[in-house]
Amino acid sequence: MRSLRRILMLAACVSAWAQPAFAGRIVVANDEWTLSNTGFSNTFFGSLNFAQNVCAFFAGGGTGSFLVVSDNFGLDNDAATSLALFMTGAGHAWVDSDDIPGFSLDLATLQNYDGVFFALPPVVDQSVLTNYVDEGGNVFIAGGTGQGGAASEAANWNTFLNAFGLNFASSYNGIAGNIAITSSHALMGGVPSLYQNNGNTISLFGANPNAQIIASFNGQGLYAVYDDVAPV
């Protein structure tokens, strides 16, 4: 009887270790204007609450430490001053990679942060992002920057996005203005509208159950998530 008990306990331990690891989270915006100063000017509460919701989503509901890897006006601290002001005011650490001496985009560096925010430029190694999310990291990507044209911009992200069931269109969608948001997803809590100006439509890729379009306009996906965090 005692031997049977030992066998069952050993089996339970092996089963626990064999449970699949959970990856992190991805939030994708079709356009970079949403979190720019212009975005805040046009849809203040929408942009503010969306940004804060994304940070809470990445940090598990509390304040967190976030890295911005972008020279684009929609995220770069030198241009997106409203975003930086409100994020630091909310208690988040909001770090620009340009301010890190000898910065290198590698897994070890990204794992120092609760989430990393990207919009072209620069072009980054998509395999590093894939490894980061696979290890539980969180990534925000904004499209629609115009860098290299729509097809090139999509290609610069789609190897990564496709691995998690999402895809950027290879042409820009022409959607512009203050777009009403009707979504029950927590990321859109307190977000009545968001500003955008000609982004890359987001669609699902394959049948990944953790990928979801959370806001659309005339059938065009504007915002999407990948969420493989274990339920609490």
Foldseek 3Di string as FASTA:
>chain_A
DVVVVVVVVVVVVVVVVPDADFFAKEKEFQALQQQAPVFCVAFVQQSLLLLVLLQCRLVVNAAWEEEEEEPALSQDCVRSVVSVVSNVVRVHHYYYQVPDPPDDLALVVQVVTSEYEDEDPPQDDLVRVQVNRSVHHYYYYYFPRCVVAQQVRQVSHAVNQLVQFKGWASHWDQDFDWAAWDFPDSSRVSNGTTGHGTGTFMDTHDCRPQKDQGTDDPPTRGMIMGGRDDDD
